[in-house]
Amino acid sequence: MRVLQVIPELEAGGAERTTIEIAEALTAAGGAAPVASRGGRMVAELEAAGGSWIEMPVHSKNPFVAYANVKRLTDAMAAHEAQIIHARSRAPAWSALLAARRAKKLFITTYHGTYKARSALKRFYNSVMARGDIVIANSGFIRDYILSQHEVAPERVRVVPRGVDISRYDAANVEPGRISAFREACGLPPYDRRPLILLPARLTRWKGQVEAIRALAALDSQAVLALAGDAQGREAYVGELKTLAAETGVAGRVVFAGHVHDMPAAYGAADLVITPSVEPEAFGRTAAEAQAMGRRVIAADHGGAREVVIPGETGWLSPPGDIDALAKTMEAALSLPESRAFAMGEAASARIRAEYSTQALQRATLNLYQELLKSDHDR
């Protein structure tokens, strides 16, 4: 199989990670895995996985650039003999759709999130993600959302949950030195046993950093909160978070860790991982990764997180935006007896390994490619 994937950038995030995982699977199956993108820090990972990067301004929302991208993508499909073009974001998806129709090739989309539609024009703009010959939803929550927002045949919408790299996110494979290094980077040397709470997400308001800082201030514990993620240019928001931490008296206990390359070590160093998003997550990748590592996890009680976390068995769910509830749940999680925390971690890890592995994601996606190619051949 030869599949051209299209994604705006290759910087960081779940969609980008999935792009690389599918490139790896295509290459392992003897296929070709070109990726059209503006590029970014993950290009080296893509190439190491066997994919090839085609530099293209598919991130642009400028209509003239988007129209020019139609020819660029058509040419790329011809050059790489691609049978399928797979779009993972709205702006490049319009160019990809037109390129697929022009080249008479198959078109697939992955619906990676809940796209807001406050007007008929925006709803039309979003609709390109439901125009694939197959539309992949990365959770049951997203599948229901697609069917509620677009006129699309239910049989065309398939659920393929995001995967977790089980070998990478395995506590047994993370050396103690890596864990110590992350704790020290957060200002916690070996003799400082204060709990470390990790919030792994890019620094953007809907990810819940404001709520996390306010909840931290309400704790009896002197825990340290590490915000692990890029600001991606949102310096005003970073300044707002720092001011909030100072005003609530926790400035010395909030660490801005930036982009973290060694996320398994970050999870391993954490006593508690929280994902308090105030808007629903499409899947809940960080909650899944943390559970694979056997960590205690609190996720916001909406979106795909409800499928990833089983309350009381593998973690906790907390009402989104409810700071008091989040603080109480954090306190309860941190005070859990070690034996109970270990048992919960074991249950969480076993479930993620059974249901949300990268291999399952790769296998299911390649099966959909094959199904689509066979159906097209039969026609």
Protein backbone atom coordinates (compact mmCIF):
# COMPACT_ATOMS: atom_id res chain seq x y z
CA MET A 1 0.00 0.00 0.00
CA ARG A 2 1.09 3.53 -0.78
CA VAL A 3 -0.63 6.18 1.32
CA LEU A 4 0.07 9.92 1.31
CA GLN A 5 -0.75 11.38 4.72
CA VAL A 6 -1.36 15.12 5.04
CA ILE A 7 -0.97 17.01 8.31
CA PRO A 8 -0.26 20.73 8.92
CA GLU A 9 2.88 20.33 11.03
CA LEU A 10 5.03 17.70 12.69
CA GLU A 11 5.78 19.47 15.95
CA ALA A 12 3.99 17.63 18.78
CA GLY A 13 0.60 16.13 19.55
CA GLY A 14 -1.58 13.07 19.19
CA ALA A 15 -2.41 13.50 15.50
CA GLU A 16 1.27 13.92 14.69
CA ARG A 17 2.22 10.88 16.74
CA THR A 18 -0.44 8.79 14.97
CA THR A 19 0.85 9.96 11.58
CA ILE A 20 4.29 8.57 12.42
CA GLU A 21 2.86 5.34 13.79
CA ILE A 22 0.93 4.72 10.57
CA ALA A 23 4.01 5.57 8.48
CA GLU A 24 5.90 2.96 10.49
CA ALA A 25 3.20 0.35 9.90
CA LEU A 26 2.98 1.05 6.17
CA THR A 27 6.74 0.74 5.80
CA ALA A 28 6.85 -2.48 7.83
CA ALA A 29 4.15 -3.89 5.54
CA GLY A 30 6.30 -3.14 2.49
CA GLY A 31 4.39 -0.02 1.48
CA ALA A 32 5.30 3.63 1.05
CA ALA A 33 4.54 6.35 3.60
CA PRO A 34 5.07 9.89 2.30
CA VAL A 35 3.81 12.71 4.53
CA ALA A 36 3.05 16.21 3.24
CA SER A 37 3.56 18.76 6.00
CA ARG A 38 5.15 22.07 6.88
CA GLY A 39 7.53 20.01 9.04
CA GLY A 40 8.76 20.36 12.59
CA ARG A 41 10.75 18.63 15.31
CA MET A 42 9.15 15.23 14.60
CA VAL A 43 10.39 14.98 11.00
CA ALA A 44 13.43 13.00 12.17
CA GLU A 45 11.12 10.53 13.94
CA LEU A 46 9.03 10.17 10.79
CA GLU A 47 12.09 9.39 8.69
CA ALA A 48 13.44 6.97 11.33
CA ALA A 49 10.07 5.16 11.13
CA GLY A 50 10.51 4.73 7.38
CA GLY A 51 8.31 7.59 6.19
CA SER A 52 9.37 10.38 3.86
CA TRP A 53 8.69 14.07 4.37
CA ILE A 54 7.36 16.24 1.57
CA GLU A 55 7.75 19.87 2.60
CA MET A 56 4.54 21.68 1.70
CA PRO A 57 2.66 24.69 3.17
CA VAL A 58 -0.43 22.61 3.96
CA HIS A 59 -0.70 24.40 7.32
CA SER A 60 -1.83 27.59 5.57
CA LYS A 61 -5.46 28.69 5.69
CA ASN A 62 -4.85 31.21 2.91
CA PRO A 63 -7.28 30.14 0.14
CA PHE A 64 -4.76 30.89 -2.61
CA VAL A 65 -2.10 28.74 -0.92
CA ALA A 66 -4.67 26.01 -0.27
CA TYR A 67 -5.66 26.01 -3.94
CA ALA A 68 -2.01 25.82 -5.02
CA ASN A 69 -1.63 22.87 -2.65
CA VAL A 70 -4.13 20.91 -4.74
CA LYS A 71 -1.62 20.69 -7.58
CA ARG A 72 1.26 20.08 -5.16
CA LEU A 73 -0.61 17.16 -3.60
CA THR A 74 -1.71 15.81 -6.98
CA ASP A 75 1.91 15.86 -8.13
CA ALA A 76 3.06 14.24 -4.88
CA MET A 77 0.52 11.44 -5.29
CA ALA A 78 1.77 10.79 -8.80
CA ALA A 79 5.44 10.93 -7.80
CA HIS A 80 4.92 8.46 -4.94
CA GLU A 81 2.25 6.40 -6.77
CA ALA A 82 -0.07 6.89 -3.82
CA GLN A 83 -3.34 5.00 -3.94
CA ILE A 84 -4.89 6.80 -0.96
CA ILE A 85 -4.58 10.30 0.47
CA HIS A 86 -5.25 10.51 4.20
CA ALA A 87 -6.00 13.96 5.67
CA ARG A 88 -5.74 14.72 9.38
CA SER A 89 -6.77 18.38 9.63
CA ARG A 90 -9.36 20.66 8.06
CA ALA A 91 -7.28 23.20 6.11
CA PRO A 92 -5.17 20.62 4.24
CA ALA A 93 -8.16 18.28 3.95
CA TRP A 94 -9.86 20.58 1.43
CA SER A 95 -6.75 20.54 -0.74
CA ALA A 96 -6.42 16.78 -0.26
CA LEU A 97 -10.05 16.16 -1.20
CA LEU A 98 -9.71 18.12 -4.44
CA ALA A 99 -6.40 16.43 -5.21
CA ALA A 100 -7.93 12.99 -4.65
CA ARG A 101 -10.86 13.78 -6.94
CA ARG A 102 -8.53 15.21 -9.59
CA ALA A 103 -6.27 12.15 -9.45
CA LYS A 104 -9.21 9.73 -9.10
CA LYS A 105 -7.74 8.30 -5.91
CA LEU A 106 -9.25 7.33 -2.56
CA PHE A 107 -9.70 9.87 0.23
CA ILE A 108 -9.69 9.12 3.97
CA THR A 109 -9.95 11.50 6.90
CA THR A 110 -9.29 11.13 10.60
CA TYR A 111 -11.54 13.28 12.75
CA HIS A 112 -9.15 14.19 15.56
CA GLY A 113 -11.32 16.55 17.64
CA THR A 114 -14.58 18.41 18.19
CA TYR A 115 -14.47 21.26 15.71
CA LYS A 116 -16.51 24.27 16.74
CA ALA A 117 -19.17 25.49 14.31
CA ARG A 118 -20.75 28.81 15.31
CA SER A 119 -21.98 29.57 11.80
CA ALA A 120 -23.18 27.79 8.69
CA LEU A 121 -19.92 28.73 6.94
CA LYS A 122 -17.82 27.18 9.71
CA ARG A 123 -19.98 24.07 9.68
CA PHE A 124 -19.36 23.75 5.95
CA TYR A 125 -15.62 24.26 6.50
CA ASN A 126 -15.61 21.49 9.13
CA SER A 127 -17.63 19.17 6.91
CA VAL A 128 -14.59 18.22 4.83
CA MET A 129 -13.52 15.93 7.67
CA ALA A 130 -16.72 13.90 7.13
CA ARG A 131 -16.26 13.64 3.35
CA GLY A 132 -13.80 10.76 3.36
CA ASP A 133 -14.58 7.49 1.62
CA ILE A 134 -13.93 6.28 5.15
CA VAL A 135 -13.98 8.62 8.15
CA ILE A 136 -11.90 7.47 11.10
CA ALA A 137 -13.06 8.56 14.57
CA ASN A 138 -10.48 8.16 17.32
CA SER A 139 -13.10 7.34 19.97
CA GLY A 140 -16.73 6.39 20.32
CA PHE A 141 -17.33 9.91 21.60
CA ILE A 142 -15.99 11.39 18.35
CA ARG A 143 -18.03 8.97 16.24
CA ASP A 144 -21.22 10.12 17.97
CA TYR A 145 -20.15 13.74 17.50
CA ILE A 146 -19.55 13.23 13.75
CA LEU A 147 -22.96 11.64 13.27
CA SER A 148 -24.62 14.47 15.19
CA GLN A 149 -22.89 17.19 13.18
CA HIS A 150 -22.80 15.87 9.61
CA GLU A 151 -24.98 14.01 7.15
CA VAL A 152 -22.78 10.98 6.72
CA ALA A 153 -23.66 7.30 6.38
CA PRO A 154 -22.94 5.65 9.75
CA GLU A 155 -21.20 2.71 8.09
CA ARG A 156 -18.56 5.07 6.69
CA VAL A 157 -17.54 6.24 10.18
CA ARG A 158 -15.18 3.79 11.87
CA VAL A 159 -13.73 3.95 15.37
CA VAL A 160 -9.98 3.41 15.64
CA PRO A 161 -8.79 4.52 19.10
CA ARG A 162 -5.41 6.16 19.37
CA GLY A 163 -2.70 3.82 20.46
CA VAL A 164 -0.10 3.78 23.20
CA ASP A 165 3.42 2.53 22.49
CA ILE A 166 3.36 -0.23 25.07
CA SER A 167 7.10 -0.89 24.97
CA ARG A 168 7.93 2.81 25.40
CA TYR A 169 5.39 3.45 28.13
CA ASP A 170 6.40 0.52 30.30
CA ALA A 171 7.60 1.34 33.80
CA ALA A 172 9.97 -1.62 33.70
CA ASN A 173 11.82 -0.04 30.76
CA VAL A 174 12.42 3.35 32.39
CA GLU A 175 15.73 3.57 34.23
CA PRO A 176 15.63 5.17 37.71
CA GLY A 177 18.22 7.72 36.59
CA ARG A 178 15.84 9.12 33.98
CA ILE A 179 13.11 9.49 36.60
CA SER A 180 15.49 11.20 39.03
CA ALA A 181 16.62 13.55 36.26
CA PHE A 182 13.06 14.68 35.58
CA ARG A 183 12.28 15.20 39.26
CA GLU A 184 15.47 17.23 39.67
CA ALA A 185 14.53 19.31 36.63
CA CYS A 186 11.31 20.08 38.52
CA GLY A 187 13.29 21.20 41.57
CA LEU A 188 12.87 17.94 43.46
CA PRO A 189 16.27 16.42 44.37
CA PRO A 190 16.35 12.86 45.79
CA TYR A 191 15.91 14.00 49.40
CA ASP A 192 12.78 16.02 48.54
CA ARG A 193 9.86 13.59 48.61
CA ARG A 194 7.09 16.08 48.02
CA PRO A 195 4.50 14.61 45.62
CA LEU A 196 4.86 15.54 41.95
CA ILE A 197 1.67 16.18 40.00
CA LEU A 198 2.09 16.14 36.22
CA LEU A 199 -0.18 17.89 33.72
CA PRO A 200 1.07 16.84 30.26
CA ALA A 201 -0.46 19.13 27.63
CA ARG A 202 0.43 22.07 25.45
CA LEU A 203 -0.13 25.36 27.22
CA THR A 204 -3.53 26.43 25.98
CA ARG A 205 -6.50 27.49 28.08
CA TRP A 206 -8.82 24.59 27.35
CA LYS A 207 -6.28 22.06 28.65
CA GLY A 208 -7.06 23.18 32.20
CA GLN A 209 -3.81 24.67 33.52
CA VAL A 210 -5.73 27.48 35.26
CA GLU A 211 -7.95 24.97 37.05
CA ALA A 212 -4.92 22.87 38.00
CA ILE A 213 -3.10 25.80 39.61
CA ARG A 214 -6.21 26.83 41.56
CA ALA A 215 -6.73 23.24 42.73
CA LEU A 216 -3.08 23.01 43.77
CA ALA A 217 -3.55 26.08 45.93
CA ALA A 218 -6.47 24.38 47.68
CA LEU A 219 -4.52 21.24 48.62
CA ASP A 220 -3.28 20.51 52.13
CA SER A 221 -0.34 18.76 50.48
CA GLN A 222 2.77 20.72 49.46
CA ALA A 223 2.80 18.94 46.12
CA VAL A 224 4.62 20.36 43.10
CA LEU A 225 2.76 20.79 39.81
CA ALA A 226 4.71 20.30 36.57
CA LEU A 227 3.13 21.75 33.43
CA ALA A 228 4.75 19.72 30.66
CA GLY A 229 4.05 21.17 27.24
CA ASP A 230 4.88 23.83 24.69
CA ALA A 231 3.38 27.30 24.88
CA GLN A 232 3.46 27.38 21.04
CA GLY A 233 3.69 31.15 21.07
CA ARG A 234 1.05 31.76 23.74
CA GLU A 235 3.36 33.83 25.92
CA ALA A 236 0.51 35.99 27.21
CA TYR A 237 -1.18 32.87 28.57
CA VAL A 238 2.08 31.74 30.20
CA GLY A 239 2.33 35.13 31.87
CA GLU A 240 -1.25 34.80 33.09
CA LEU A 241 -0.49 31.38 34.61
CA LYS A 242 2.60 32.70 36.38
CA THR A 243 0.63 35.63 37.78
CA LEU A 244 -2.11 33.28 38.96
CA ALA A 245 0.44 31.02 40.67
CA ALA A 246 1.92 34.04 42.47
CA GLU A 247 -1.48 35.37 43.52
CA THR A 248 -2.57 32.00 44.92
CA GLY A 249 0.70 31.49 46.80
CA VAL A 250 1.99 28.50 44.81
CA ALA A 251 4.53 30.16 42.50
CA GLY A 252 7.32 28.13 44.07
CA ARG A 253 5.43 24.90 43.44
CA VAL A 254 4.49 25.34 39.78
CA VAL A 255 7.12 24.25 37.24
CA PHE A 256 6.93 25.17 33.56
CA ALA A 257 8.72 22.15 32.12
CA GLY A 258 8.23 23.03 28.44
CA HIS A 259 8.32 20.35 25.76
CA VAL A 260 9.46 17.08 27.36
CA HIS A 261 11.28 14.61 25.10
CA ASP A 262 11.36 11.81 27.68
CA MET A 263 7.70 11.49 28.56
CA PRO A 264 8.01 7.96 30.00
CA ALA A 265 10.43 9.38 32.59
CA ALA A 266 8.04 12.25 33.31
CA TYR A 267 5.18 9.83 33.93
CA GLY A 268 7.44 7.60 36.00
CA ALA A 269 8.49 10.57 38.15
CA ALA A 270 4.91 11.64 38.80
CA ASP A 271 2.92 10.59 41.84
CA LEU A 272 -0.25 11.74 40.07
CA VAL A 273 -1.09 12.63 36.47
CA ILE A 274 -4.01 14.97 35.75
CA THR A 275 -5.76 15.92 32.52
CA PRO A 276 -8.33 18.52 33.66
CA SER A 277 -9.39 19.75 30.21
CA VAL A 278 -12.36 22.11 30.30
CA GLU A 279 -13.38 21.06 26.78
CA PRO A 280 -13.76 17.37 25.91
CA GLU A 281 -10.72 15.48 24.70
CA ALA A 282 -11.31 13.48 21.56
CA PHE A 283 -9.55 10.47 23.04
CA GLY A 284 -7.39 11.12 26.09
CA ARG A 285 -3.94 9.99 24.93
CA THR A 286 -2.01 11.32 27.92
CA ALA A 287 -4.38 9.62 30.35
CA ALA A 288 -3.86 6.38 28.43
CA GLU A 289 -0.07 6.74 28.42
CA ALA A 290 0.01 7.48 32.14
CA GLN A 291 -2.17 4.46 32.91
CA ALA A 292 0.09 2.26 30.76
CA MET A 293 2.89 3.37 33.09
CA GLY A 294 0.78 2.38 36.12
CA ARG A 295 0.33 5.97 37.33
CA ARG A 296 -2.56 7.36 39.32
CA VAL A 297 -4.67 9.39 36.86
CA ILE A 298 -7.44 11.99 37.16
CA ALA A 299 -9.19 13.02 33.94
CA ALA A 300 -12.02 15.44 33.25
CA ASP A 301 -15.36 13.66 33.14
CA HIS A 302 -16.27 14.19 29.50
CA GLY A 303 -15.24 13.27 25.97
CA GLY A 304 -13.03 10.34 25.13
CA ALA A 305 -11.55 10.24 28.63
CA ARG A 306 -14.70 8.46 29.79
CA GLU A 307 -13.71 5.53 27.57
CA VAL A 308 -10.08 5.50 28.70
CA VAL A 309 -10.51 5.83 32.48
CA ILE A 310 -12.78 3.57 34.56
CA PRO A 311 -13.62 5.51 37.76
CA GLY A 312 -12.53 3.73 40.92
CA GLU A 313 -10.84 0.93 38.98
CA THR A 314 -8.14 2.49 36.81
CA GLY A 315 -8.31 6.15 37.92
CA TRP A 316 -10.72 8.98 38.65
CA LEU A 317 -12.99 11.29 36.66
CA SER A 318 -13.66 14.82 37.90
CA PRO A 319 -16.33 17.28 36.67
CA PRO A 320 -14.72 19.61 34.11
CA GLY A 321 -14.05 23.12 35.41
CA ASP A 322 -14.98 22.23 39.02
CA ILE A 323 -11.90 23.33 40.98
CA ASP A 324 -13.17 22.17 44.37
CA ALA A 325 -13.97 18.70 43.03
CA LEU A 326 -10.59 18.50 41.33
CA ALA A 327 -8.76 19.51 44.51
CA LYS A 328 -10.67 16.93 46.59
CA THR A 329 -9.99 14.20 44.04
CA MET A 330 -6.30 15.13 43.90
CA GLU A 331 -6.12 14.97 47.70
CA ALA A 332 -7.82 11.57 47.72
CA ALA A 333 -5.54 10.23 44.99
CA LEU A 334 -2.37 11.42 46.75
CA SER A 335 -3.47 9.95 50.08
CA LEU A 336 -4.36 6.55 48.62
CA PRO A 337 -2.52 3.71 50.41
CA GLU A 338 0.41 2.45 48.36
CA SER A 339 -1.05 -1.06 48.08
CA ARG A 340 -4.31 0.32 46.66
CA ALA A 341 -2.44 2.70 44.34
CA PHE A 342 -0.32 -0.19 43.06
CA ALA A 343 -3.37 -2.40 42.42
CA MET A 344 -5.13 0.43 40.57
CA GLY A 345 -2.01 1.05 38.49
CA GLU A 346 -1.74 -2.61 37.59
CA ALA A 347 -5.39 -2.72 36.50
CA ALA A 348 -4.97 0.44 34.45
CA SER A 349 -1.83 -0.81 32.74
CA ALA A 350 -3.39 -4.16 31.88
CA ARG A 351 -6.45 -2.53 30.33
CA ILE A 352 -4.45 -0.09 28.19
CA ARG A 353 -2.22 -2.91 26.97
CA ALA A 354 -5.24 -5.01 26.05
CA GLU A 355 -7.34 -2.33 24.35
CA TYR A 356 -5.26 0.70 23.35
CA SER A 357 -1.90 -0.43 21.97
CA THR A 358 -0.14 1.21 19.03
CA GLN A 359 -0.14 -2.18 17.33
CA ALA A 360 -3.95 -2.32 17.52
CA LEU A 361 -4.18 1.18 16.02
CA GLN A 362 -1.78 0.28 13.21
CA ARG A 363 -3.48 -3.01 12.44
CA ALA A 364 -6.97 -1.48 12.36
CA THR A 365 -5.90 1.44 10.15
CA LEU A 366 -4.10 -0.74 7.63
CA ASN A 367 -7.13 -3.03 7.54
CA LEU A 368 -9.29 -0.02 6.63
CA TYR A 369 -6.88 0.93 3.84
CA GLN A 370 -7.06 -2.62 2.50
CA GLU A 371 -10.84 -2.70 2.78
CA LEU A 372 -11.13 0.54 0.85
CA LEU A 373 -8.70 -0.58 -1.85
CA LYS A 374 -10.54 -3.88 -2.27
CA SER A 375 -13.91 -2.14 -2.48
CA ASP A 376 -12.55 0.26 -5.08
CA HIS A 377 -11.04 -2.63 -7.06
CA ASP A 378 -14.31 -4.58 -6.95
CA ARG A 379 -16.19 -1.52 -8.28
